[in-house]
C-alpha atoms as a PDB file:
ATOM      1  CA  MET A   1     113.131  75.228  92.216  1.00  0.00           C
ATOM      2  CA  THR A   2     112.291  76.229  95.786  1.00  0.00           C
ATOM      3  CA  PHE A   3     111.890  79.925  96.503  1.00  0.00           C
ATOM      4  CA  LYS A   4     112.642  81.298  99.951  1.00  0.00           C
ATOM      5  CA  LEU A   5     111.933  84.984  99.359  1.00  0.00           C
ATOM      6  CA  LEU A   6     109.286  86.639  97.185  1.00  0.00           C
ATOM      7  CA  ILE A   7     109.767  90.376  96.573  1.00  0.00           C
ATOM      8  CA  PHE A   8     106.885  92.539  95.401  1.00  0.00           C
ATOM      9  CA  ASP A   9     106.679  96.032  94.002  1.00  0.00           C
ATOM     10  CA  LEU A  10     103.822  98.052  95.515  1.00  0.00           C
ATOM     11  CA  ASP A  11     102.249 100.439  92.986  1.00  0.00           C
ATOM     12  CA  ASP A  12     100.257  98.580  90.326  1.00  0.00           C
ATOM     13  CA  THR A  13     101.547  95.268  91.602  1.00  0.00           C
ATOM     14  CA  LEU A  14      99.856  94.950  94.994  1.00  0.00           C
ATOM     15  CA  ILE A  15      97.777  98.146  94.901  1.00  0.00           C
ATOM     16  CA  ASP A  16      95.784  99.573  92.000  1.00  0.00           C
ATOM     17  CA  THR A  17      97.495 102.955  91.811  1.00  0.00           C
ATOM     18  CA  PHE A  18      96.735 103.573  88.150  1.00  0.00           C
ATOM     19  CA  SER A  19      92.956 103.244  88.407  1.00  0.00           C
ATOM     20  CA  THR A  20      92.187 104.447  91.935  1.00  0.00           C
ATOM     21  CA  PHE A  21      95.007 106.634  93.279  1.00  0.00           C
ATOM     22  CA  SER A  22      96.235 108.505  90.212  1.00  0.00           C
ATOM     23  CA  PRO A  23      92.946 110.123  89.060  1.00  0.00           C
ATOM     24  CA  SER A  24      92.413 111.930  92.360  1.00  0.00           C
ATOM     25  CA  ARG A  25      96.076 112.979  92.539  1.00  0.00           C
ATOM     26  CA  LEU A  26      95.903 114.295  88.979  1.00  0.00           C
ATOM     27  CA  SER A  27      92.815 116.298  89.928  1.00  0.00           C
ATOM     28  CA  ASP A  28      94.748 117.891  92.790  1.00  0.00           C
ATOM     29  CA  SER A  29      97.707 118.570  90.499  1.00  0.00           C
ATOM     30  CA  LEU A  30      95.479 120.245  87.928  1.00  0.00           C
ATOM     31  CA  GLN A  31      93.832 122.483  90.515  1.00  0.00           C
ATOM     32  CA  THR A  32      97.214 123.498  91.899  1.00  0.00           C
ATOM     33  CA  MET A  33      98.494 124.422  88.426  1.00  0.00           C
ATOM     34  CA  ILE A  34      95.341 126.485  87.894  1.00  0.00           C
ATOM     35  CA  ASP A  35      95.848 128.190  91.259  1.00  0.00           C
ATOM     36  CA  TYR A  36      99.350 129.156  90.143  1.00  0.00           C
ATOM     37  CA  GLY A  37      98.060 130.713  86.935  1.00  0.00           C
ATOM     38  CA  LEU A  38      97.660 128.007  84.279  1.00  0.00           C
ATOM     39  CA  LYS A  39      94.840 129.214  82.018  1.00  0.00           C
ATOM     40  CA  ILE A  40      92.082 126.607  81.669  1.00  0.00           C
ATOM     41  CA  ASP A  41      88.681 127.281  80.061  1.00  0.00           C
ATOM     42  CA  SER A  42      86.921 124.270  81.593  1.00  0.00           C
ATOM     43  CA  PRO A  43      88.540 122.489  84.562  1.00  0.00           C
ATOM     44  CA  SER A  44      86.226 119.484  84.191  1.00  0.00           C
ATOM     45  CA  GLU A  45      87.103 119.010  80.523  1.00  0.00           C
ATOM     46  CA  ALA A  46      90.767 119.608  81.287  1.00  0.00           C
ATOM     47  CA  LEU A  47      90.706 116.864  83.927  1.00  0.00           C
ATOM     48  CA  LYS A  48      89.134 114.443  81.452  1.00  0.00           C
ATOM     49  CA  ARG A  49      91.896 115.243  78.999  1.00  0.00           C
ATOM     50  CA  LEU A  50      94.590 114.904  81.660  1.00  0.00           C
ATOM     51  CA  ILE A  51      93.315 111.453  82.630  1.00  0.00           C
ATOM     52  CA  GLU A  52      93.057 110.484  78.958  1.00  0.00           C
ATOM     53  CA  ILE A  53      96.703 111.438  78.395  1.00  0.00           C
ATOM     54  CA  ASP A  54      97.663 109.525  81.530  1.00  0.00           C
ATOM     55  CA  SER A  55      95.975 106.370  80.248  1.00  0.00           C
ATOM     56  CA  LYS A  56      98.544 106.256  77.441  1.00  0.00           C
ATOM     57  CA  SER A  57     101.608 107.538  79.278  1.00  0.00           C
ATOM     58  CA  SER A  58     104.531 105.633  80.752  1.00  0.00           C
ATOM     59  CA  SER A  59     104.728 107.895  83.826  1.00  0.00           C
ATOM     60  CA  VAL A  60     102.907 110.665  85.674  1.00  0.00           C
ATOM     61  CA  LYS A  61     105.768 113.051  84.907  1.00  0.00           C
ATOM     62  CA  GLU A  62     105.273 112.389  81.201  1.00  0.00           C
ATOM     63  CA  THR A  63     101.501 112.827  81.592  1.00  0.00           C
ATOM     64  CA  ILE A  64     101.666 116.231  83.249  1.00  0.00           C
ATOM     65  CA  LYS A  65     104.359 117.593  80.956  1.00  0.00           C
ATOM     66  CA  ASN A  66     102.489 116.488  77.821  1.00  0.00           C
ATOM     67  CA  PHE A  67      99.252 117.947  79.177  1.00  0.00           C
ATOM     68  CA  VAL A  68     100.789 121.333  79.958  1.00  0.00           C
ATOM     69  CA  THR A  69     102.526 121.405  76.569  1.00  0.00           C
ATOM     70  CA  GLU A  70      99.185 120.762  74.884  1.00  0.00           C
ATOM     71  CA  ILE A  71      97.363 123.408  76.931  1.00  0.00           C
ATOM     72  CA  SER A  72      99.944 126.195  76.837  1.00  0.00           C
ATOM     73  CA  ALA A  73     103.101 126.972  74.909  1.00  0.00           C
ATOM     74  CA  PHE A  74     104.261 129.236  77.730  1.00  0.00           C
ATOM     75  CA  GLU A  75     106.086 128.299  80.914  1.00  0.00           C
ATOM     76  CA  VAL A  76     105.751 124.556  80.332  1.00  0.00           C
ATOM     77  CA  GLU A  77     108.540 123.688  82.747  1.00  0.00           C
ATOM     78  CA  LYS A  78     107.126 125.944  85.468  1.00  0.00           C
ATOM     79  CA  TYR A  79     103.634 124.476  85.458  1.00  0.00           C
ATOM     80  CA  SER A  80     104.836 120.906  84.866  1.00  0.00           C
ATOM     81  CA  SER A  81     107.097 121.177  87.920  1.00  0.00           C
ATOM     82  CA  ILE A  82     104.216 122.532  90.018  1.00  0.00           C
ATOM     83  CA  GLY A  83     101.878 119.716  88.945  1.00  0.00           C
ATOM     84  CA  ILE A  84     104.457 116.972  89.425  1.00  0.00           C
ATOM     85  CA  LYS A  85     105.436 118.276  92.860  1.00  0.00           C
ATOM     86  CA  LYS A  86     101.800 118.337  93.941  1.00  0.00           C
ATOM     87  CA  TYR A  87     101.260 114.764  92.753  1.00  0.00           C
ATOM     88  CA  TYR A  88     104.262 113.267  94.522  1.00  0.00           C
ATOM     89  CA  GLU A  89     105.194 115.532  97.412  1.00  0.00           C
ATOM     90  CA  GLU A  90     102.094 117.293  98.726  1.00  0.00           C
ATOM     91  CA  PHE A  91     100.005 114.277  99.558  1.00  0.00           C
ATOM     92  CA  LYS A  92      97.299 114.719 102.213  1.00  0.00           C
ATOM     93  CA  GLY A  93      96.038 111.141 102.448  1.00  0.00           C
ATOM     94  CA  ASN A  94      92.572 111.838 101.054  1.00  0.00           C
ATOM     95  CA  CYS A  95      92.616 109.605  97.977  1.00  0.00           C
ATOM     96  CA  GLN A  96      90.726 106.517  96.941  1.00  0.00           C
ATOM     97  CA  LEU A  97      92.779 103.361  96.849  1.00  0.00           C
ATOM     98  CA  LYS A  98      92.216  99.621  96.592  1.00  0.00           C
ATOM     99  CA  PRO A  99      94.384  96.520  96.262  1.00  0.00           C
ATOM    100  CA  VAL A 100      94.887  94.851  92.908  1.00  0.00           C
ATOM    101  CA  ASP A 101      92.325  92.094  92.334  1.00  0.00           C
ATOM    102  CA  GLY A 102      93.290  89.030  94.335  1.00  0.00           C
ATOM    103  CA  ALA A 103      96.325  90.639  95.992  1.00  0.00           C
ATOM    104  CA  LEU A 104      95.217  90.245  99.617  1.00  0.00           C
ATOM    105  CA  GLU A 105      94.146  86.645  99.185  1.00  0.00           C
ATOM    106  CA  LEU A 106      97.431  85.839  97.428  1.00  0.00           C
ATOM    107  CA  LEU A 107      99.562  87.426 100.138  1.00  0.00           C
ATOM    108  CA  GLN A 108      97.646  85.626 102.891  1.00  0.00           C
ATOM    109  CA  LYS A 109      98.454  82.300 101.261  1.00  0.00           C
ATOM    110  CA  LEU A 110     102.057  83.056 100.370  1.00  0.00           C
ATOM    111  CA  GLN A 111     103.087  84.440 103.764  1.00  0.00           C
ATOM    112  CA  LYS A 112     102.297  81.104 105.394  1.00  0.00           C
ATOM    113  CA  ARG A 113     105.000  79.332 103.361  1.00  0.00           C
ATOM    114  CA  TYR A 114     107.442  81.968 102.117  1.00  0.00           C
ATOM    115  CA  ASN A 115     109.281  85.031 103.325  1.00  0.00           C
ATOM    116  CA  LEU A 116     107.817  88.104 101.634  1.00  0.00           C
ATOM    117  CA  ALA A 117     109.228  91.581 101.073  1.00  0.00           C
ATOM    118  CA  ILE A 118     108.140  94.838  99.466  1.00  0.00           C
ATOM    119  CA  VAL A 119     110.604  97.059  97.633  1.00  0.00           C
ATOM    120  CA  SER A 120     108.855 100.222  96.478  1.00  0.00           C
ATOM    121  CA  LYS A 121     109.970 103.548  95.049  1.00  0.00           C
ATOM    122  CA  GLY A 122     108.401 106.672  96.506  1.00  0.00           C
ATOM    123  CA  LEU A 123     108.047 108.770  99.622  1.00  0.00           C
ATOM    124  CA  LYS A 124     108.064 106.635 102.758  1.00  0.00           C
ATOM    125  CA  GLU A 125     105.056 108.310 104.383  1.00  0.00           C
ATOM    126  CA  THR A 126     102.950 108.037 101.228  1.00  0.00           C
ATOM    127  CA  GLN A 127     103.897 104.429 100.511  1.00  0.00           C
ATOM    128  CA  TYR A 128     103.078 103.316 104.054  1.00  0.00           C
ATOM    129  CA  TRP A 129      99.748 105.150 103.817  1.00  0.00           C
ATOM    130  CA  LYS A 130      99.006 103.177 100.637  1.00  0.00           C
ATOM    131  CA  ILE A 131      99.869  99.888 102.345  1.00  0.00           C
ATOM    132  CA  ASN A 132      97.506 100.621 105.237  1.00  0.00           C
ATOM    133  CA  LYS A 133      94.740 102.036 103.039  1.00  0.00           C
ATOM    134  CA  ALA A 134      94.767  98.959 100.786  1.00  0.00           C
ATOM    135  CA  GLY A 135      94.408  96.596 103.758  1.00  0.00           C
ATOM    136  CA  ILE A 136      97.842  95.044 103.328  1.00  0.00           C
ATOM    137  CA  LYS A 137      99.151  93.721 106.648  1.00  0.00           C
ATOM    138  CA  LYS A 138     102.716  94.809 107.375  1.00  0.00           C
ATOM    139  CA  GLU A 139     103.252  91.678 109.465  1.00  0.00           C
ATOM    140  CA  TRP A 140     102.976  89.569 106.309  1.00  0.00           C
ATOM    141  CA  PHE A 141     106.382  90.876 105.218  1.00  0.00           C
ATOM    142  CA  LYS A 142     109.849  90.110 106.485  1.00  0.00           C
ATOM    143  CA  LYS A 143     111.019  93.493 105.207  1.00  0.00           C
ATOM    144  CA  ILE A 144     109.498  96.609 103.624  1.00  0.00           C
ATOM    145  CA  ILE A 145     111.992  98.869 101.860  1.00  0.00           C
ATOM    146  CA  ILE A 146     111.062 102.242 100.365  1.00  0.00           C
ATOM    147  CA  VAL A 147     113.675 103.639  97.986  1.00  0.00           C
ATOM    148  CA  SER A 148     114.005 107.036  96.341  1.00  0.00           C
ATOM    149  CA  GLU A 149     115.742 105.887  93.169  1.00  0.00           C
ATOM    150  CA  GLU A 150     117.004 102.478  92.009  1.00  0.00           C
ATOM    151  CA  LYS A 151     116.102  99.089  93.506  1.00  0.00           C
ATOM    152  CA  LYS A 152     119.195  96.983  92.862  1.00  0.00           C
ATOM    153  CA  THR A 153     120.851  97.993  96.128  1.00  0.00           C
ATOM    154  CA  ALA A 154     117.738  97.012  98.084  1.00  0.00           C
ATOM    155  CA  TYR A 155     117.541  93.636  96.343  1.00  0.00           C
ATOM    156  CA  ALA A 156     121.216  92.970  97.018  1.00  0.00           C
ATOM    157  CA  SER A 157     120.863  93.889 100.689  1.00  0.00           C
ATOM    158  CA  LEU A 158     117.968  91.444 101.105  1.00  0.00           C
ATOM    159  CA  LEU A 159     120.116  88.650  99.670  1.00  0.00           C
ATOM    160  CA  GLN A 160     123.106  89.534 101.824  1.00  0.00           C
ATOM    161  CA  GLU A 161     121.182  90.020 105.066  1.00  0.00           C
ATOM    162  CA  ASN A 162     119.464  86.663 104.820  1.00  0.00           C
ATOM    163  CA  GLY A 163     122.047  84.573 102.997  1.00  0.00           C
ATOM    164  CA  TYR A 164     119.755  83.761 100.078  1.00  0.00           C
ATOM    165  CA  LYS A 165     121.073  82.412  96.811  1.00  0.00           C
ATOM    166  CA  SER A 166     119.875  84.309  93.740  1.00  0.00           C
ATOM    167  CA  SER A 167     117.977  81.204  92.604  1.00  0.00           C
ATOM    168  CA  GLU A 168     115.938  81.322  95.828  1.00  0.00           C
ATOM    169  CA  VAL A 169     114.517  84.804  95.228  1.00  0.00           C
ATOM    170  CA  LEU A 170     111.656  85.887  92.988  1.00  0.00           C
ATOM    171  CA  VAL A 171     110.736  89.500  92.112  1.00  0.00           C
ATOM    172  CA  CYS A 172     107.321  90.579  90.803  1.00  0.00           C
ATOM    173  CA  GLY A 173     106.658  94.049  89.423  1.00  0.00           C
ATOM    174  CA  ASP A 174     104.919  96.007  86.679  1.00  0.00           C
ATOM    175  CA  LYS A 175     107.765  98.381  85.743  1.00  0.00           C
ATOM    176  CA  TYR A 176     110.317  96.530  83.658  1.00  0.00           C
ATOM    177  CA  GLU A 177     113.261  98.925  83.885  1.00  0.00           C
ATOM    178  CA  LEU A 178     112.795  99.841  87.549  1.00  0.00           C
ATOM    179  CA  ASP A 179     111.598  96.550  89.067  1.00  0.00           C
ATOM    180  CA  LEU A 180     112.901  93.748  86.908  1.00  0.00           C
ATOM    181  CA  VAL A 181     116.073  94.752  85.063  1.00  0.00           C
ATOM    182  CA  PRO A 182     118.072  95.153  88.315  1.00  0.00           C
ATOM    183  CA  ALA A 183     116.633  91.854  89.561  1.00  0.00           C
ATOM    184  CA  LYS A 184     117.782  90.133  86.371  1.00  0.00           C
ATOM    185  CA  GLU A 185     121.256  91.625  86.796  1.00  0.00           C
ATOM    186  CA  LEU A 186     121.447  89.902  90.192  1.00  0.00           C
ATOM    187  CA  GLY A 187     120.241  86.601  88.757  1.00  0.00           C
ATOM    188  CA  LEU A 188     116.852  86.688  90.470  1.00  0.00           C
ATOM    189  CA  THR A 189     113.747  85.121  88.957  1.00  0.00           C
ATOM    190  CA  THR A 190     111.473  87.809  87.494  1.00  0.00           C
ATOM    191  CA  ILE A 191     107.726  88.091  86.941  1.00  0.00           C
ATOM    192  CA  TYR A 192     106.422  90.896  84.730  1.00  0.00           C
ATOM    193  CA  PHE A 193     102.906  91.791  85.883  1.00  0.00           C
ATOM    194  CA  ILE A 194     100.823  93.454  83.161  1.00  0.00           C
ATOM    195  CA  TRP A 195      98.816  96.009  85.124  1.00  0.00           C
ATOM    196  CA  GLY A 196      98.416  99.782  85.079  1.00  0.00           C
ATOM    197  CA  ARG A 197     101.025 101.464  82.912  1.00  0.00           C
ATOM    198  CA  ALA A 198     102.532  98.135  81.952  1.00  0.00           C
ATOM    199  CA  LYS A 199      99.584  97.782  79.564  1.00  0.00           C
ATOM    200  CA  ASN A 200     100.991 100.761  77.645  1.00  0.00           C
ATOM    201  CA  ASN A 201     104.465  99.283  77.290  1.00  0.00           C
ATOM    202  CA  LYS A 202     105.243  98.492  73.666  1.00  0.00           C
ATOM    203  CA  ASN A 203     108.914  97.760  74.239  1.00  0.00           C
ATOM    204  CA  LYS A 204     110.290  94.241  74.268  1.00  0.00           C
ATOM    205  CA  VAL A 205     110.813  92.780  77.714  1.00  0.00           C
ATOM    206  CA  ILE A 206     112.800  89.700  78.684  1.00  0.00           C
ATOM    207  CA  THR A 207     111.656  88.102  81.931  1.00  0.00           C
ATOM    208  CA  ASP A 208     111.210  84.612  83.300  1.00  0.00           C
ATOM    209  CA  TYR A 209     107.432  84.940  83.487  1.00  0.00           C
ATOM    210  CA  THR A 210     104.716  87.328  82.295  1.00  0.00           C
ATOM    211  CA  ILE A 211     101.304  87.323  84.001  1.00  0.00           C
ATOM    212  CA  ASN A 212      98.017  89.192  83.773  1.00  0.00           C
ATOM    213  CA  ASP A 213      96.568  87.878  87.031  1.00  0.00           C
ATOM    214  CA  LEU A 214      98.378  87.798  90.366  1.00  0.00           C
ATOM    215  CA  LYS A 215      96.937  84.371  91.155  1.00  0.00           C
ATOM    216  CA  GLU A 216      99.215  82.952  88.454  1.00  0.00           C
ATOM    217  CA  ILE A 217     102.060  83.363  90.934  1.00  0.00           C
ATOM    218  CA  LEU A 218     100.683  80.407  92.869  1.00  0.00           C
ATOM    219  CA  LYS A 219     101.445  78.165  89.905  1.00  0.00           C
ATOM    220  CA  ILE A 220     104.874  79.664  89.462  1.00  0.00           C
ATOM    221  CA  VAL A 221     105.946  79.010  93.052  1.00  0.00           C
ATOM    222  CA  LYS A 222     104.139  75.657  92.925  1.00  0.00           C
ATOM    223  CA  LEU A 223     102.167  76.340  96.068  1.00  0.00           C
ATOM    224  CA  LYS A 224     100.012  73.370  97.019  1.00  0.00           C
ATOM    225  CA  GLU A 225      96.781  74.459  98.642  1.00  0.00           C
END
């Protein structure tokens, strides 16, 4: 099989969001909830607990809601909404961030032989900041698409715009339902990357490949160095 297009998710696929970006954003979210009246005895201990909950959660929204529920039985929705909004929408670009191990080296090799694309969910300004901060070169990619909800439409548009057959396209991501299920529905080859929150996933997944190291993609696409 010869691939012509390789599509990557961004968060916890090319960049280490879970370990480097999320802790600082959760700290900001916690402080904002406190500023709005959430009663906390020890902010430092509360942050440790928030990060501990996040390490076992499937999403930041779940993390913050579970944390607030544990801390206070009152106005859970109010404070959860404040914390979630701070995490996603009020980003100032002052966070730590690094690429996933081996991501830059992999992309440098792949872009010489294949067309690459990023399809990422999030706010456009924030996602482009992450790309730049992590040292990912935008010129390595034929297309970068930032979506607000589902990814199937973006995948389909990439196929249509370039005339690719479904068998010529590979999608790699860490979020099964968001990244890979819509790719499977279009007949694309899928790689489930176990990183970040994917390590917490206990549900059964059905994909073409499952990897724990991005360098394994080289074997999958049969790249000869």
